[in-house]
PDB file of all heavy atoms in Angstrom:
ATOM      1  N   ALA A   1      22.312  35.585  59.475  1.00  0.00           N
ATOM      2  CA  ALA A   1      23.177  36.691  59.062  1.00  0.00           C
ATOM      3  C   ALA A   1      23.384  36.650  57.556  1.00  0.00           C
ATOM      4  O   ALA A   1      23.543  35.568  56.968  1.00  0.00           O
ATOM      5  CB  ALA A   1      24.521  36.609  59.769  1.00  0.00           C
ATOM      6  N   GLY A   2      23.404  37.816  56.956  1.00  0.00           N
ATOM      7  CA  GLY A   2      23.649  37.899  55.523  1.00  0.00           C
ATOM      8  C   GLY A   2      24.375  39.194  55.207  1.00  0.00           C
ATOM      9  O   GLY A   2      24.495  40.082  56.046  1.00  0.00           O
ATOM     10  N   GLY A   3      24.861  39.313  53.993  1.00  0.00           N
ATOM     11  CA  GLY A   3      25.542  40.551  53.631  1.00  0.00           C
ATOM     12  C   GLY A   3      26.133  40.502  52.242  1.00  0.00           C
ATOM     13  O   GLY A   3      26.042  39.483  51.556  1.00  0.00           O
ATOM     14  N   PRO A   4      26.767  41.590  51.819  1.00  0.00           N
ATOM     15  CA  PRO A   4      26.920  42.830  52.584  1.00  0.00           C
ATOM     16  C   PRO A   4      25.674  43.706  52.547  1.00  0.00           C
ATOM     17  O   PRO A   4      24.821  43.529  51.689  1.00  0.00           O
ATOM     18  CB  PRO A   4      28.079  43.519  51.878  1.00  0.00           C
ATOM     19  CG  PRO A   4      27.938  43.073  50.454  1.00  0.00           C
ATOM     20  CD  PRO A   4      27.440  41.649  50.521  1.00  0.00           C
ATOM     21  N   TYR A   5      25.598  44.611  53.519  1.00  0.00           N
ATOM     22  CA  TYR A   5      24.509  45.575  53.577  1.00  0.00           C
ATOM     23  C   TYR A   5      25.029  46.934  53.143  1.00  0.00           C
ATOM     24  O   TYR A   5      26.088  47.371  53.589  1.00  0.00           O
ATOM     25  CB  TYR A   5      23.949  45.677  54.997  1.00  0.00           C
ATOM     26  CG  TYR A   5      22.980  46.825  55.169  1.00  0.00           C
ATOM     27  CD1 TYR A   5      21.681  46.739  54.666  1.00  0.00           C
ATOM     28  CD2 TYR A   5      23.369  48.000  55.797  1.00  0.00           C
ATOM     29  CE1 TYR A   5      20.794  47.790  54.799  1.00  0.00           C
ATOM     30  CE2 TYR A   5      22.488  49.049  55.929  1.00  0.00           C
ATOM     31  CZ  TYR A   5      21.203  48.947  55.421  1.00  0.00           C
ATOM     32  OH  TYR A   5      20.333  49.987  55.552  1.00  0.00           O
ATOM     33  N   TRP A   6      24.255  47.581  52.282  1.00  0.00           N
ATOM     34  CA  TRP A   6      24.611  48.917  51.816  1.00  0.00           C
ATOM     35  C   TRP A   6      23.650  49.922  52.425  1.00  0.00           C
ATOM     36  O   TRP A   6      22.440  49.795  52.271  1.00  0.00           O
ATOM     37  CB  TRP A   6      24.572  48.985  50.299  1.00  0.00           C
ATOM     38  CG  TRP A   6      25.457  47.941  49.670  1.00  0.00           C
ATOM     39  CD1 TRP A   6      25.067  46.791  49.076  1.00  0.00           C
ATOM     40  CD2 TRP A   6      26.890  47.957  49.613  1.00  0.00           C
ATOM     41  NE1 TRP A   6      26.156  46.074  48.664  1.00  0.00           N
ATOM     42  CE2 TRP A   6      27.285  46.749  48.959  1.00  0.00           C
ATOM     43  CE3 TRP A   6      27.872  48.850  50.055  1.00  0.00           C
ATOM     44  CZ2 TRP A   6      28.616  46.439  48.733  1.00  0.00           C
ATOM     45  CZ3 TRP A   6      29.201  48.532  49.826  1.00  0.00           C
ATOM     46  CH2 TRP A   6      29.566  47.346  49.172  1.00  0.00           C
ATOM     47  N   SER A   7      24.182  50.912  53.109  1.00  0.00           N
ATOM     48  CA  SER A   7      23.377  51.905  53.794  1.00  0.00           C
ATOM     49  C   SER A   7      22.361  52.539  52.848  1.00  0.00           C
ATOM     50  O   SER A   7      22.687  52.883  51.711  1.00  0.00           O
ATOM     51  CB  SER A   7      24.283  52.986  54.378  1.00  0.00           C
ATOM     52  OG  SER A   7      23.517  53.926  55.108  1.00  0.00           O
ATOM     53  N   GLY A   8      21.144  52.659  53.302  1.00  0.00           N
ATOM     54  CA  GLY A   8      20.088  53.257  52.494  1.00  0.00           C
ATOM     55  C   GLY A   8      19.248  52.252  51.741  1.00  0.00           C
ATOM     56  O   GLY A   8      18.203  52.618  51.192  1.00  0.00           O
ATOM     57  N   THR A   9      19.673  51.002  51.720  1.00  0.00           N
ATOM     58  CA  THR A   9      18.879  49.979  51.028  1.00  0.00           C
ATOM     59  C   THR A   9      17.888  49.344  51.996  1.00  0.00           C
ATOM     60  O   THR A   9      18.051  49.417  53.210  1.00  0.00           O
ATOM     61  CB  THR A   9      19.773  48.891  50.420  1.00  0.00           C
ATOM     62  OG1 THR A   9      20.522  48.260  51.471  1.00  0.00           O
ATOM     63  CG2 THR A   9      20.751  49.496  49.425  1.00  0.00           C
ATOM     64  N   VAL A  10      16.866  48.703  51.443  1.00  0.00           N
ATOM     65  CA  VAL A  10      15.844  48.057  52.254  1.00  0.00           C
ATOM     66  C   VAL A  10      16.345  46.672  52.656  1.00  0.00           C
ATOM     67  O   VAL A  10      16.811  45.905  51.823  1.00  0.00           O
ATOM     68  CB  VAL A  10      14.526  47.935  51.473  1.00  0.00           C
ATOM     69  CG1 VAL A  10      13.493  47.179  52.300  1.00  0.00           C
ATOM     70  CG2 VAL A  10      14.013  49.320  51.102  1.00  0.00           C
ATOM     71  N   LEU A  11      16.263  46.373  53.933  1.00  0.00           N
ATOM     72  CA  LEU A  11      16.690  45.059  54.410  1.00  0.00           C
ATOM     73  C   LEU A  11      15.817  43.967  53.808  1.00  0.00           C
ATOM     74  O   LEU A  11      14.592  44.108  53.730  1.00  0.00           O
ATOM     75  CB  LEU A  11      16.615  45.013  55.932  1.00  0.00           C
ATOM     76  CG  LEU A  11      17.669  45.867  56.651  1.00  0.00           C
ATOM     77  CD1 LEU A  11      17.239  46.163  58.067  1.00  0.00           C
ATOM     78  CD2 LEU A  11      19.013  45.176  56.621  1.00  0.00           C
ATOM     79  N   THR A  12      16.464  42.884  53.425  1.00  0.00           N
ATOM     80  CA  THR A  12      15.739  41.811  52.772  1.00  0.00           C
ATOM     81  C   THR A  12      14.964  40.954  53.758  1.00  0.00           C
ATOM     82  O   THR A  12      15.394  40.762  54.900  1.00  0.00           O
ATOM     83  CB  THR A  12      16.697  40.912  51.971  1.00  0.00           C
ATOM     84  OG1 THR A  12      15.956  39.879  51.332  1.00  0.00           O
ATOM     85  CG2 THR A  12      17.749  40.271  52.883  1.00  0.00           C
ATOM     86  N   LEU A  13      13.830  40.433  53.322  1.00  0.00           N
ATOM     87  CA  LEU A  13      13.070  39.515  54.160  1.00  0.00           C
ATOM     88  C   LEU A  13      13.103  38.083  53.613  1.00  0.00           C
ATOM     89  O   LEU A  13      12.427  37.204  54.144  1.00  0.00           O
ATOM     90  CB  LEU A  13      11.636  39.988  54.323  1.00  0.00           C
ATOM     91  CG  LEU A  13      10.837  40.414  53.080  1.00  0.00           C
ATOM     92  CD1 LEU A  13      10.449  39.225  52.227  1.00  0.00           C
ATOM     93  CD2 LEU A  13       9.596  41.172  53.504  1.00  0.00           C
ATOM     94  N   SER A  14      13.889  37.882  52.554  1.00  0.00           N
ATOM     95  CA  SER A  14      13.979  36.552  51.963  1.00  0.00           C
ATOM     96  C   SER A  14      15.007  35.702  52.687  1.00  0.00           C
ATOM     97  O   SER A  14      16.182  36.090  52.782  1.00  0.00           O
ATOM     98  CB  SER A  14      14.372  36.651  50.490  1.00  0.00           C
ATOM     99  OG  SER A  14      14.703  35.366  49.995  1.00  0.00           O
ATOM    100  N   PRO A  15      14.628  34.522  53.175  1.00  0.00           N
ATOM    101  CA  PRO A  15      15.601  33.658  53.851  1.00  0.00           C
ATOM    102  C   PRO A  15      16.731  33.230  52.918  1.00  0.00           C
ATOM    103  O   PRO A  15      17.820  32.888  53.401  1.00  0.00           O
ATOM    104  CB  PRO A  15      14.765  32.459  54.315  1.00  0.00           C
ATOM    105  CG  PRO A  15      13.560  32.471  53.454  1.00  0.00           C
ATOM    106  CD  PRO A  15      13.286  33.907  53.141  1.00  0.00           C
ATOM    107  N   HIS A  16      16.514  33.280  51.614  1.00  0.00           N
ATOM    108  CA  HIS A  16      17.544  32.858  50.668  1.00  0.00           C
ATOM    109  C   HIS A  16      18.710  33.832  50.605  1.00  0.00           C
ATOM    110  O   HIS A  16      19.760  33.502  50.057  1.00  0.00           O
ATOM    111  CB  HIS A  16      16.920  32.690  49.283  1.00  0.00           C
ATOM    112  CG  HIS A  16      15.795  31.716  49.262  1.00  0.00           C
ATOM    113  ND1 HIS A  16      15.972  30.360  49.470  1.00  0.00           N
ATOM    114  CD2 HIS A  16      14.462  31.892  49.089  1.00  0.00           C
ATOM    115  CE1 HIS A  16      14.807  29.752  49.408  1.00  0.00           C
ATOM    116  NE2 HIS A  16      13.872  30.650  49.180  1.00  0.00           N
ATOM    117  N   GLU A  17      18.523  35.025  51.148  1.00  0.00           N
ATOM    118  CA  GLU A  17      19.588  36.022  51.118  1.00  0.00           C
ATOM    119  C   GLU A  17      20.327  36.125  52.452  1.00  0.00           C
ATOM    120  O   GLU A  17      21.018  37.103  52.703  1.00  0.00           O
ATOM    121  CB  GLU A  17      19.005  37.367  50.698  1.00  0.00           C
ATOM    122  CG  GLU A  17      18.435  37.324  49.287  1.00  0.00           C
ATOM    123  CD  GLU A  17      18.042  38.694  48.757  1.00  0.00           C
ATOM    124  OE1 GLU A  17      18.838  39.631  48.909  1.00  0.00           O
ATOM    125  OE2 GLU A  17      16.925  38.818  48.223  1.00  0.00           O
ATOM    126  N   TYR A  18      20.156  35.114  53.285  1.00  0.00           N
ATOM    127  CA  TYR A  18      20.897  35.020  54.526  1.00  0.00           C
ATOM    128  C   TYR A  18      21.826  33.808  54.421  1.00  0.00           C
ATOM    129  O   TYR A  18      21.401  32.728  54.015  1.00  0.00           O
ATOM    130  CB  TYR A  18      19.954  34.882  55.725  1.00  0.00           C
ATOM    131  CG  TYR A  18      19.214  36.162  56.028  1.00  0.00           C
ATOM    132  CD1 TYR A  18      18.119  36.543  55.272  1.00  0.00           C
ATOM    133  CD2 TYR A  18      19.628  36.994  57.064  1.00  0.00           C
ATOM    134  CE1 TYR A  18      17.458  37.731  55.532  1.00  0.00           C
ATOM    135  CE2 TYR A  18      18.961  38.173  57.331  1.00  0.00           C
ATOM    136  CZ  TYR A  18      17.877  38.543  56.559  1.00  0.00           C
ATOM    137  OH  TYR A  18      17.220  39.720  56.822  1.00  0.00           O
ATOM    138  N   ASP A  19      23.090  34.006  54.781  1.00  0.00           N
ATOM    139  CA  ASP A  19      24.108  32.984  54.554  1.00  0.00           C
ATOM    140  C   ASP A  19      24.335  32.062  55.749  1.00  0.00           C
ATOM    141  O   ASP A  19      24.780  30.927  55.578  1.00  0.00           O
ATOM    142  CB  ASP A  19      25.443  33.655  54.207  1.00  0.00           C
ATOM    143  CG  ASP A  19      25.320  34.588  53.011  1.00  0.00           C
ATOM    144  OD1 ASP A  19      24.775  34.140  51.989  1.00  0.00           O
ATOM    145  OD2 ASP A  19      25.743  35.748  53.114  1.00  0.00           O
ATOM    146  N   TYR A  20      24.097  32.580  56.930  1.00  0.00           N
ATOM    147  CA  TYR A  20      24.407  31.820  58.145  1.00  0.00           C
ATOM    148  C   TYR A  20      23.165  31.758  59.037  1.00  0.00           C
ATOM    149  O   TYR A  20      22.418  32.737  59.131  1.00  0.00           O
ATOM    150  CB  TYR A  20      25.560  32.481  58.918  1.00  0.00           C
ATOM    151  CG  TYR A  20      26.793  32.689  58.080  1.00  0.00           C
ATOM    152  CD1 TYR A  20      27.104  33.942  57.570  1.00  0.00           C
ATOM    153  CD2 TYR A  20      27.636  31.625  57.791  1.00  0.00           C
ATOM    154  CE1 TYR A  20      28.231  34.144  56.796  1.00  0.00           C
ATOM    155  CE2 TYR A  20      28.773  31.812  57.016  1.00  0.00           C
ATOM    156  CZ  TYR A  20      29.057  33.064  56.516  1.00  0.00           C
ATOM    157  OH  TYR A  20      30.176  33.246  55.748  1.00  0.00           O
ATOM    158  N   TRP A  21      23.007  30.602  59.685  1.00  0.00           N
ATOM    159  CA  TRP A  21      21.821  30.374  60.513  1.00  0.00           C
ATOM    160  C   TRP A  21      22.207  29.755  61.847  1.00  0.00           C
ATOM    161  O   TRP A  21      23.158  28.954  61.936  1.00  0.00           O
ATOM    162  CB  TRP A  21      20.855  29.425  59.792  1.00  0.00           C
ATOM    163  CG  TRP A  21      20.248  30.029  58.580  1.00  0.00           C
ATOM    164  CD1 TRP A  21      20.787  30.104  57.329  1.00  0.00           C
ATOM    165  CD2 TRP A  21      18.978  30.691  58.514  1.00  0.00           C
ATOM    166  NE1 TRP A  21      19.929  30.766  56.472  1.00  0.00           N
ATOM    167  CE2 TRP A  21      18.811  31.139  57.175  1.00  0.00           C
ATOM    168  CE3 TRP A  21      17.960  30.950  59.438  1.00  0.00           C
ATOM    169  CZ2 TRP A  21      17.664  31.824  56.760  1.00  0.00           C
ATOM    170  CZ3 TRP A  21      16.831  31.634  59.018  1.00  0.00           C
ATOM    171  CH2 TRP A  21      16.697  32.058  57.693  1.00  0.00           C
ATOM    172  N   GLY A  22      21.446  30.120  62.873  1.00  0.00           N
ATOM    173  CA  GLY A  22      21.591  29.470  64.156  1.00  0.00           C
ATOM    174  C   GLY A  22      20.771  28.201  64.209  1.00  0.00           C
ATOM    175  O   GLY A  22      20.096  27.832  63.248  1.00  0.00           O
ATOM    176  N   GLN A  23      20.817  27.548  65.356  1.00  0.00           N
ATOM    177  CA  GLN A  23      20.145  26.250  65.507  1.00  0.00           C
ATOM    178  C   GLN A  23      18.668  26.402  65.885  1.00  0.00           C
ATOM    179  O   GLN A  23      17.911  25.439  65.796  1.00  0.00           O
ATOM    180  CB  GLN A  23      20.868  25.406  66.561  1.00  0.00           C
ATOM    181  CG  GLN A  23      20.505  25.710  68.005  1.00  0.00           C
ATOM    182  CD  GLN A  23      21.060  27.031  68.506  1.00  0.00           C
ATOM    183  OE1 GLN A  23      21.868  27.686  67.850  1.00  0.00           O
ATOM    184  NE2 GLN A  23      20.637  27.435  69.704  1.00  0.00           N
ATOM    185  N   GLY A  24      18.268  27.588  66.301  1.00  0.00           N
ATOM    186  CA  GLY A  24      16.876  27.837  66.638  1.00  0.00           C
ATOM    187  C   GLY A  24      16.591  27.711  68.123  1.00  0.00           C
ATOM    188  O   GLY A  24      17.272  26.978  68.843  1.00  0.00           O
ATOM    189  N   THR A  25      15.580  28.442  68.571  1.00  0.00           N
ATOM    190  CA  THR A  25      15.122  28.363  69.953  1.00  0.00           C
ATOM    191  C   THR A  25      13.593  28.363  69.956  1.00  0.00           C
ATOM    192  O   THR A  25      12.968  29.131  69.228  1.00  0.00           O
ATOM    193  CB  THR A  25      15.695  29.516  70.796  1.00  0.00           C
ATOM    194  OG1 THR A  25      15.330  29.348  72.170  1.00  0.00           O
ATOM    195  CG2 THR A  25      15.200  30.882  70.318  1.00  0.00           C
ATOM    196  N   GLN A  26      13.015  27.483  70.757  1.00  0.00           N
ATOM    197  CA  GLN A  26      11.569  27.313  70.772  1.00  0.00           C
ATOM    198  C   GLN A  26      10.899  28.393  71.614  1.00  0.00           C
ATOM    199  O   GLN A  26      11.307  28.657  72.754  1.00  0.00           O
ATOM    200  CB  GLN A  26      11.205  25.937  71.337  1.00  0.00           C
ATOM    201  CG  GLN A  26       9.719  25.683  71.471  1.00  0.00           C
ATOM    202  CD  GLN A  26       9.025  25.508  70.142  1.00  0.00           C
ATOM    203  OE1 GLN A  26       9.502  24.779  69.270  1.00  0.00           O
ATOM    204  NE2 GLN A  26       7.883  26.176  69.960  1.00  0.00           N
ATOM    205  N   VAL A  27       9.858  28.985  71.052  1.00  0.00           N
ATOM    206  CA  VAL A  27       9.004  29.913  71.781  1.00  0.00           C
ATOM    207  C   VAL A  27       7.587  29.346  71.742  1.00  0.00           C
ATOM    208  O   VAL A  27       7.057  29.078  70.659  1.00  0.00           O
ATOM    209  CB  VAL A  27       9.031  31.319  71.146  1.00  0.00           C
ATOM    210  CG1 VAL A  27       7.966  32.206  71.779  1.00  0.00           C
ATOM    211  CG2 VAL A  27      10.411  31.939  71.303  1.00  0.00           C
ATOM    212  N   THR A  28       7.011  29.159  72.909  1.00  0.00           N
ATOM    213  CA  THR A  28       5.657  28.633  73.007  1.00  0.00           C
ATOM    214  C   THR A  28       4.814  29.601  73.816  1.00  0.00           C
ATOM    215  O   THR A  28       5.170  29.940  74.944  1.00  0.00           O
ATOM    216  CB  THR A  28       5.642  27.247  73.668  1.00  0.00           C
ATOM    217  OG1 THR A  28       6.488  26.360  72.926  1.00  0.00           O
ATOM    218  CG2 THR A  28       4.231  26.680  73.704  1.00  0.00           C
TER     219      THR A  28
END
């Protein structure tokens, strides 16, 4: 999760612009 988001802007794909992270889930 990251923010704030401003309507009309392009969502970021950089992990550095996300503030909170989950623990992860494995997909095989």
